[in-house]
Amino acid sequence: MILSSTERNGDARERLLARLLDAFGEALPAPEVSLREIAARAETSHALLRYHFGSLPGVLAAMLKAQRSRDNEVLLEAAREDTFDDLVMAIWRAYTRPEQLSRIRGFFHVVGLAAYRPEDFREFIDSLDDLTKTLASLAEREGLDAAEALTLATVTVAAIRGLLLQEVLTPTGYSEEAVAVILRMR
């Protein structure tokens, strides 16, 4: 079978993304790091990074989307047997581990860039409601109608992201107590 150039480029992009993820693990490169430095760490060329991802923000967005997708798979597997509240706490614990700090900072960096240029970050933006959908389905399973469940999930995810931003900017150590308050408000 002969692959089109689009298919070959897609495969090459995925292989390059896998190299980046292997090189950086759970972390993201800092926004002040150059594409050359990232390429060196991933043992590739900055020209390939630019070709496949466009820019440093493109690299960050692709890595973040892939990392979040991996995280979501683990969380979604647990959600099969969890309650809404259990999954909310699991999400909070997953993203407040100390080794997640650079990724959380990177998340808010990319979100800020996407707010100014959503057309450049469409794939990343489209991936942001994955956990909202899962939480909504759990809320429906627990008896809420579809509209109420989606509203509850949307507000819960927004509150978690707000708390994460607060933790990044001014660490307070509220952690699980604040999330418990969010859950009581419903």
C-alpha atoms as a PDB file:
ATOM      1  CA  MET A   1       0.000   0.000   0.000  1.00  0.00           C
ATOM      2  CA  ILE A   2       1.287   3.452  -0.888  1.00  0.00           C
ATOM      3  CA  LEU A   3       0.722   6.172   1.689  1.00  0.00           C
ATOM      4  CA  SER A   4      -0.168   9.696   0.715  1.00  0.00           C
ATOM      5  CA  SER A   5       2.137  12.478   1.821  1.00  0.00           C
ATOM      6  CA  THR A   6      -0.500  13.538   4.365  1.00  0.00           C
ATOM      7  CA  GLU A   7      -0.527  10.064   5.912  1.00  0.00           C
ATOM      8  CA  ARG A   8       3.284   9.916   5.972  1.00  0.00           C
ATOM      9  CA  ASN A   9       3.465  13.400   7.513  1.00  0.00           C
ATOM     10  CA  GLY A  10       0.870  12.405  10.117  1.00  0.00           C
ATOM     11  CA  ASP A  11       2.905   9.344  11.051  1.00  0.00           C
ATOM     12  CA  ALA A  12       6.094  11.408  11.199  1.00  0.00           C
ATOM     13  CA  ARG A  13       4.370  13.989  13.380  1.00  0.00           C
ATOM     14  CA  GLU A  14       3.157  11.283  15.753  1.00  0.00           C
ATOM     15  CA  ARG A  15       6.628   9.724  15.968  1.00  0.00           C
ATOM     16  CA  LEU A  16       8.134  13.143  16.649  1.00  0.00           C
ATOM     17  CA  LEU A  17       5.505  13.832  19.304  1.00  0.00           C
ATOM     18  CA  ALA A  18       6.335  10.478  20.935  1.00  0.00           C
ATOM     19  CA  ARG A  19      10.013  11.496  21.053  1.00  0.00           C
ATOM     20  CA  LEU A  20       9.098  14.785  22.701  1.00  0.00           C
ATOM     21  CA  LEU A  21       6.953  13.017  25.292  1.00  0.00           C
ATOM     22  CA  ASP A  22       9.725  10.523  26.003  1.00  0.00           C
ATOM     23  CA  ALA A  23      12.268  13.323  26.373  1.00  0.00           C
ATOM     24  CA  PHE A  24      10.159  15.426  28.740  1.00  0.00           C
ATOM     25  CA  GLY A  25       8.116  12.804  30.578  1.00  0.00           C
ATOM     26  CA  GLU A  26       5.298  14.359  32.566  1.00  0.00           C
ATOM     27  CA  ALA A  27       6.727  17.868  32.231  1.00  0.00           C
ATOM     28  CA  LEU A  28       6.462  20.453  29.488  1.00  0.00           C
ATOM     29  CA  PRO A  29       9.347  22.549  28.224  1.00  0.00           C
ATOM     30  CA  ALA A  30       9.307  26.013  29.739  1.00  0.00           C
ATOM     31  CA  PRO A  31       7.980  28.701  27.374  1.00  0.00           C
ATOM     32  CA  GLU A  32      11.334  30.495  27.425  1.00  0.00           C
ATOM     33  CA  VAL A  33      13.172  27.438  26.079  1.00  0.00           C
ATOM     34  CA  SER A  34      14.008  27.612  22.376  1.00  0.00           C
ATOM     35  CA  LEU A  35      12.941  25.128  19.734  1.00  0.00           C
ATOM     36  CA  ARG A  36      16.631  24.304  19.286  1.00  0.00           C
ATOM     37  CA  GLU A  37      16.946  23.381  22.963  1.00  0.00           C
ATOM     38  CA  ILE A  38      13.804  21.257  22.816  1.00  0.00           C
ATOM     39  CA  ALA A  39      15.031  19.569  19.636  1.00  0.00           C
ATOM     40  CA  ALA A  40      18.387  18.809  21.230  1.00  0.00           C
ATOM     41  CA  ARG A  41      16.741  17.189  24.242  1.00  0.00           C
ATOM     42  CA  ALA A  42      14.472  15.123  21.972  1.00  0.00           C
ATOM     43  CA  GLU A  43      17.428  14.305  19.709  1.00  0.00           C
ATOM     44  CA  THR A  44      15.831  15.762  16.606  1.00  0.00           C
ATOM     45  CA  SER A  45      16.093  18.969  14.608  1.00  0.00           C
ATOM     46  CA  HIS A  46      14.385  22.259  15.283  1.00  0.00           C
ATOM     47  CA  ALA A  47      13.432  22.378  11.584  1.00  0.00           C
ATOM     48  CA  LEU A  48      11.345  19.218  12.016  1.00  0.00           C
ATOM     49  CA  LEU A  49       9.651  20.694  15.072  1.00  0.00           C
ATOM     50  CA  ARG A  50       8.833  23.853  13.139  1.00  0.00           C
ATOM     51  CA  TYR A  51       7.595  21.851  10.130  1.00  0.00           C
ATOM     52  CA  HIS A  52       5.265  19.606  12.144  1.00  0.00           C
ATOM     53  CA  PHE A  53       4.157  21.948  14.941  1.00  0.00           C
ATOM     54  CA  GLY A  54       4.737  25.436  13.542  1.00  0.00           C
ATOM     55  CA  SER A  55       6.205  27.087  16.600  1.00  0.00           C
ATOM     56  CA  LEU A  56       7.076  26.637  20.252  1.00  0.00           C
ATOM     57  CA  PRO A  57       3.432  27.187  21.276  1.00  0.00           C
ATOM     58  CA  GLY A  58       2.455  24.535  18.715  1.00  0.00           C
ATOM     59  CA  VAL A  59       4.901  22.084  20.297  1.00  0.00           C
ATOM     60  CA  LEU A  60       3.581  22.885  23.775  1.00  0.00           C
ATOM     61  CA  ALA A  61      -0.058  22.524  22.688  1.00  0.00           C
ATOM     62  CA  ALA A  62       0.580  19.176  20.968  1.00  0.00           C
ATOM     63  CA  MET A  63       2.493  17.792  23.944  1.00  0.00           C
ATOM     64  CA  LEU A  64      -0.099  19.032  26.407  1.00  0.00           C
ATOM     65  CA  LYS A  65      -2.961  17.554  24.395  1.00  0.00           C
ATOM     66  CA  ALA A  66      -1.186  14.177  24.248  1.00  0.00           C
ATOM     67  CA  GLN A  67      -0.331  14.217  27.963  1.00  0.00           C
ATOM     68  CA  ARG A  68      -3.885  15.176  28.904  1.00  0.00           C
ATOM     69  CA  SER A  69      -5.226  12.444  26.643  1.00  0.00           C
ATOM     70  CA  ARG A  70      -3.089   9.855  28.470  1.00  0.00           C
ATOM     71  CA  ASP A  71      -4.226  11.200  31.833  1.00  0.00           C
ATOM     72  CA  ASN A  72      -7.850  11.152  30.730  1.00  0.00           C
ATOM     73  CA  GLU A  73      -7.618   7.502  29.682  1.00  0.00           C
ATOM     74  CA  VAL A  74      -6.532   6.578  33.211  1.00  0.00           C
ATOM     75  CA  LEU A  75      -9.197   8.782  34.786  1.00  0.00           C
ATOM     76  CA  LEU A  76     -11.893   7.482  32.444  1.00  0.00           C
ATOM     77  CA  GLU A  77     -11.043   3.890  33.273  1.00  0.00           C
ATOM     78  CA  ALA A  78     -11.472   4.660  36.961  1.00  0.00           C
ATOM     79  CA  ALA A  79     -14.708   6.527  36.230  1.00  0.00           C
ATOM     80  CA  ARG A  80     -16.421   3.357  35.078  1.00  0.00           C
ATOM     81  CA  GLU A  81     -16.904   2.388  38.710  1.00  0.00           C
ATOM     82  CA  ASP A  82     -16.602   5.797  40.419  1.00  0.00           C
ATOM     83  CA  THR A  83     -19.163   8.357  41.390  1.00  0.00           C
ATOM     84  CA  PHE A  84     -19.143  11.940  40.171  1.00  0.00           C
ATOM     85  CA  ASP A  85     -17.549  13.051  43.446  1.00  0.00           C
ATOM     86  CA  ASP A  86     -14.912  10.310  43.285  1.00  0.00           C
ATOM     87  CA  LEU A  87     -13.864  11.337  39.792  1.00  0.00           C
ATOM     88  CA  VAL A  88     -13.688  15.022  40.716  1.00  0.00           C
ATOM     89  CA  MET A  89     -11.356  14.200  43.609  1.00  0.00           C
ATOM     90  CA  ALA A  90      -9.283  11.907  41.369  1.00  0.00           C
ATOM     91  CA  ILE A  91      -8.908  14.701  38.814  1.00  0.00           C
ATOM     92  CA  TRP A  92      -7.808  17.114  41.520  1.00  0.00           C
ATOM     93  CA  ARG A  93      -5.279  14.669  42.960  1.00  0.00           C
ATOM     94  CA  ALA A  94      -3.911  13.825  39.518  1.00  0.00           C
ATOM     95  CA  TYR A  95      -3.253  17.434  38.606  1.00  0.00           C
ATOM     96  CA  THR A  96      -1.971  18.678  41.953  1.00  0.00           C
ATOM     97  CA  ARG A  97       0.888  16.219  42.275  1.00  0.00           C
ATOM     98  CA  PRO A  98       4.157  18.185  42.523  1.00  0.00           C
ATOM     99  CA  GLU A  99       5.514  16.654  39.323  1.00  0.00           C
ATOM    100  CA  GLN A 100       2.547  18.166  37.450  1.00  0.00           C
ATOM    101  CA  LEU A 101       3.435  21.786  38.239  1.00  0.00           C
ATOM    102  CA  SER A 102       5.296  22.511  34.999  1.00  0.00           C
ATOM    103  CA  ARG A 103       2.454  20.978  33.008  1.00  0.00           C
ATOM    104  CA  ILE A 104      -0.173  22.993  34.848  1.00  0.00           C
ATOM    105  CA  ARG A 105       1.826  26.162  34.196  1.00  0.00           C
ATOM    106  CA  GLY A 106       2.162  25.106  30.561  1.00  0.00           C
ATOM    107  CA  PHE A 107      -1.589  24.505  30.371  1.00  0.00           C
ATOM    108  CA  PHE A 108      -2.378  28.038  31.438  1.00  0.00           C
ATOM    109  CA  HIS A 109       0.324  29.427  29.138  1.00  0.00           C
ATOM    110  CA  VAL A 110      -1.183  27.641  26.130  1.00  0.00           C
ATOM    111  CA  VAL A 111      -4.740  28.575  27.161  1.00  0.00           C
ATOM    112  CA  GLY A 112      -3.655  32.222  27.290  1.00  0.00           C
ATOM    113  CA  LEU A 113      -2.157  32.005  23.813  1.00  0.00           C
ATOM    114  CA  ALA A 114      -5.262  30.227  22.528  1.00  0.00           C
ATOM    115  CA  ALA A 115      -7.450  33.010  23.899  1.00  0.00           C
ATOM    116  CA  TYR A 116      -5.693  35.429  21.550  1.00  0.00           C
ATOM    117  CA  ARG A 117      -5.388  33.122  18.525  1.00  0.00           C
ATOM    118  CA  PRO A 118      -8.020  30.374  18.794  1.00  0.00           C
ATOM    119  CA  GLU A 119      -7.655  29.512  15.112  1.00  0.00           C
ATOM    120  CA  ASP A 120      -4.045  28.424  15.777  1.00  0.00           C
ATOM    121  CA  PHE A 121      -5.032  26.176  18.693  1.00  0.00           C
ATOM    122  CA  ARG A 122      -8.285  24.595  17.467  1.00  0.00           C
ATOM    123  CA  GLU A 123      -7.190  20.989  18.136  1.00  0.00           C
ATOM    124  CA  PHE A 124      -6.124  21.878  21.689  1.00  0.00           C
ATOM    125  CA  ILE A 125      -9.301  23.876  22.361  1.00  0.00           C
ATOM    126  CA  ASP A 126     -11.472  21.049  21.056  1.00  0.00           C
ATOM    127  CA  SER A 127      -9.822  18.652  23.515  1.00  0.00           C
ATOM    128  CA  LEU A 128     -10.664  20.748  26.576  1.00  0.00           C
ATOM    129  CA  ASP A 129     -14.120  19.331  27.229  1.00  0.00           C
ATOM    130  CA  ASP A 130     -13.120  15.648  27.479  1.00  0.00           C
ATOM    131  CA  LEU A 131     -13.428  15.490  31.258  1.00  0.00           C
ATOM    132  CA  THR A 132     -16.549  17.652  31.210  1.00  0.00           C
ATOM    133  CA  LYS A 133     -18.285  15.069  29.030  1.00  0.00           C
ATOM    134  CA  THR A 134     -17.209  12.245  31.319  1.00  0.00           C
ATOM    135  CA  LEU A 135     -18.350  14.075  34.440  1.00  0.00           C
ATOM    136  CA  ALA A 136     -21.653  14.878  32.747  1.00  0.00           C
ATOM    137  CA  SER A 137     -22.242  11.211  31.955  1.00  0.00           C
ATOM    138  CA  LEU A 138     -21.528  10.284  35.585  1.00  0.00           C
ATOM    139  CA  ALA A 139     -23.965  12.954  36.786  1.00  0.00           C
ATOM    140  CA  GLU A 140     -26.598  11.557  34.419  1.00  0.00           C
ATOM    141  CA  ARG A 141     -25.912   8.057  35.731  1.00  0.00           C
ATOM    142  CA  GLU A 142     -26.558   9.465  39.213  1.00  0.00           C
ATOM    143  CA  GLY A 143     -29.978  10.811  38.215  1.00  0.00           C
ATOM    144  CA  LEU A 144     -29.581  14.283  36.728  1.00  0.00           C
ATOM    145  CA  ASP A 145     -31.118  15.055  33.354  1.00  0.00           C
ATOM    146  CA  ALA A 146     -28.700  15.707  30.489  1.00  0.00           C
ATOM    147  CA  ALA A 147     -28.834  19.514  30.636  1.00  0.00           C
ATOM    148  CA  GLU A 148     -28.362  19.660  34.418  1.00  0.00           C
ATOM    149  CA  ALA A 149     -25.559  17.109  34.232  1.00  0.00           C
ATOM    150  CA  LEU A 150     -23.696  19.096  31.585  1.00  0.00           C
ATOM    151  CA  THR A 151     -24.093  22.336  33.533  1.00  0.00           C
ATOM    152  CA  LEU A 152     -22.856  20.706  36.734  1.00  0.00           C
ATOM    153  CA  ALA A 153     -19.860  19.180  34.944  1.00  0.00           C
ATOM    154  CA  THR A 154     -19.007  22.457  33.194  1.00  0.00           C
ATOM    155  CA  VAL A 155     -19.123  24.463  36.422  1.00  0.00           C
ATOM    156  CA  THR A 156     -17.127  21.813  38.293  1.00  0.00           C
ATOM    157  CA  VAL A 157     -14.353  21.702  35.685  1.00  0.00           C
ATOM    158  CA  ALA A 158     -14.261  25.514  35.584  1.00  0.00           C
ATOM    159  CA  ALA A 159     -13.947  25.641  39.380  1.00  0.00           C
ATOM    160  CA  ILE A 160     -11.161  23.043  39.363  1.00  0.00           C
ATOM    161  CA  ARG A 161      -9.277  24.999  36.709  1.00  0.00           C
ATOM    162  CA  GLY A 162      -9.745  28.180  38.727  1.00  0.00           C
ATOM    163  CA  LEU A 163      -8.330  26.487  41.822  1.00  0.00           C
ATOM    164  CA  LEU A 164      -5.420  25.133  39.782  1.00  0.00           C
ATOM    165  CA  LEU A 165      -4.677  28.628  38.501  1.00  0.00           C
ATOM    166  CA  GLN A 166      -4.775  29.926  42.069  1.00  0.00           C
ATOM    167  CA  GLU A 167      -2.393  27.165  43.155  1.00  0.00           C
ATOM    168  CA  VAL A 168       0.033  28.127  40.374  1.00  0.00           C
ATOM    169  CA  LEU A 169      -0.105  31.857  41.079  1.00  0.00           C
ATOM    170  CA  THR A 170      -0.375  31.897  44.854  1.00  0.00           C
ATOM    171  CA  PRO A 171      -0.044  28.451  46.399  1.00  0.00           C
ATOM    172  CA  THR A 172      -2.395  28.277  49.331  1.00  0.00           C
ATOM    173  CA  GLY A 173      -2.634  24.591  50.059  1.00  0.00           C
ATOM    174  CA  TYR A 174      -6.438  24.581  49.947  1.00  0.00           C
ATOM    175  CA  SER A 175      -6.291  21.429  47.891  1.00  0.00           C
ATOM    176  CA  GLU A 176      -8.953  18.869  48.654  1.00  0.00           C
ATOM    177  CA  GLU A 177     -10.896  21.033  51.107  1.00  0.00           C
ATOM    178  CA  ALA A 178     -11.729  23.541  48.346  1.00  0.00           C
ATOM    179  CA  VAL A 179     -12.756  20.758  45.990  1.00  0.00           C
ATOM    180  CA  ALA A 180     -14.972  19.290  48.729  1.00  0.00           C
ATOM    181  CA  VAL A 181     -16.689  22.693  49.023  1.00  0.00           C
ATOM    182  CA  ILE A 182     -17.317  22.681  45.260  1.00  0.00           C
ATOM    183  CA  LEU A 183     -18.918  19.266  45.561  1.00  0.00           C
ATOM    184  CA  ARG A 184     -21.101  20.342  48.500  1.00  0.00           C
ATOM    185  CA  MET A 185     -22.390  23.329  46.519  1.00  0.00           C
ATOM    186  CA  ARG A 186     -24.226  21.055  44.131  1.00  0.00           C
END
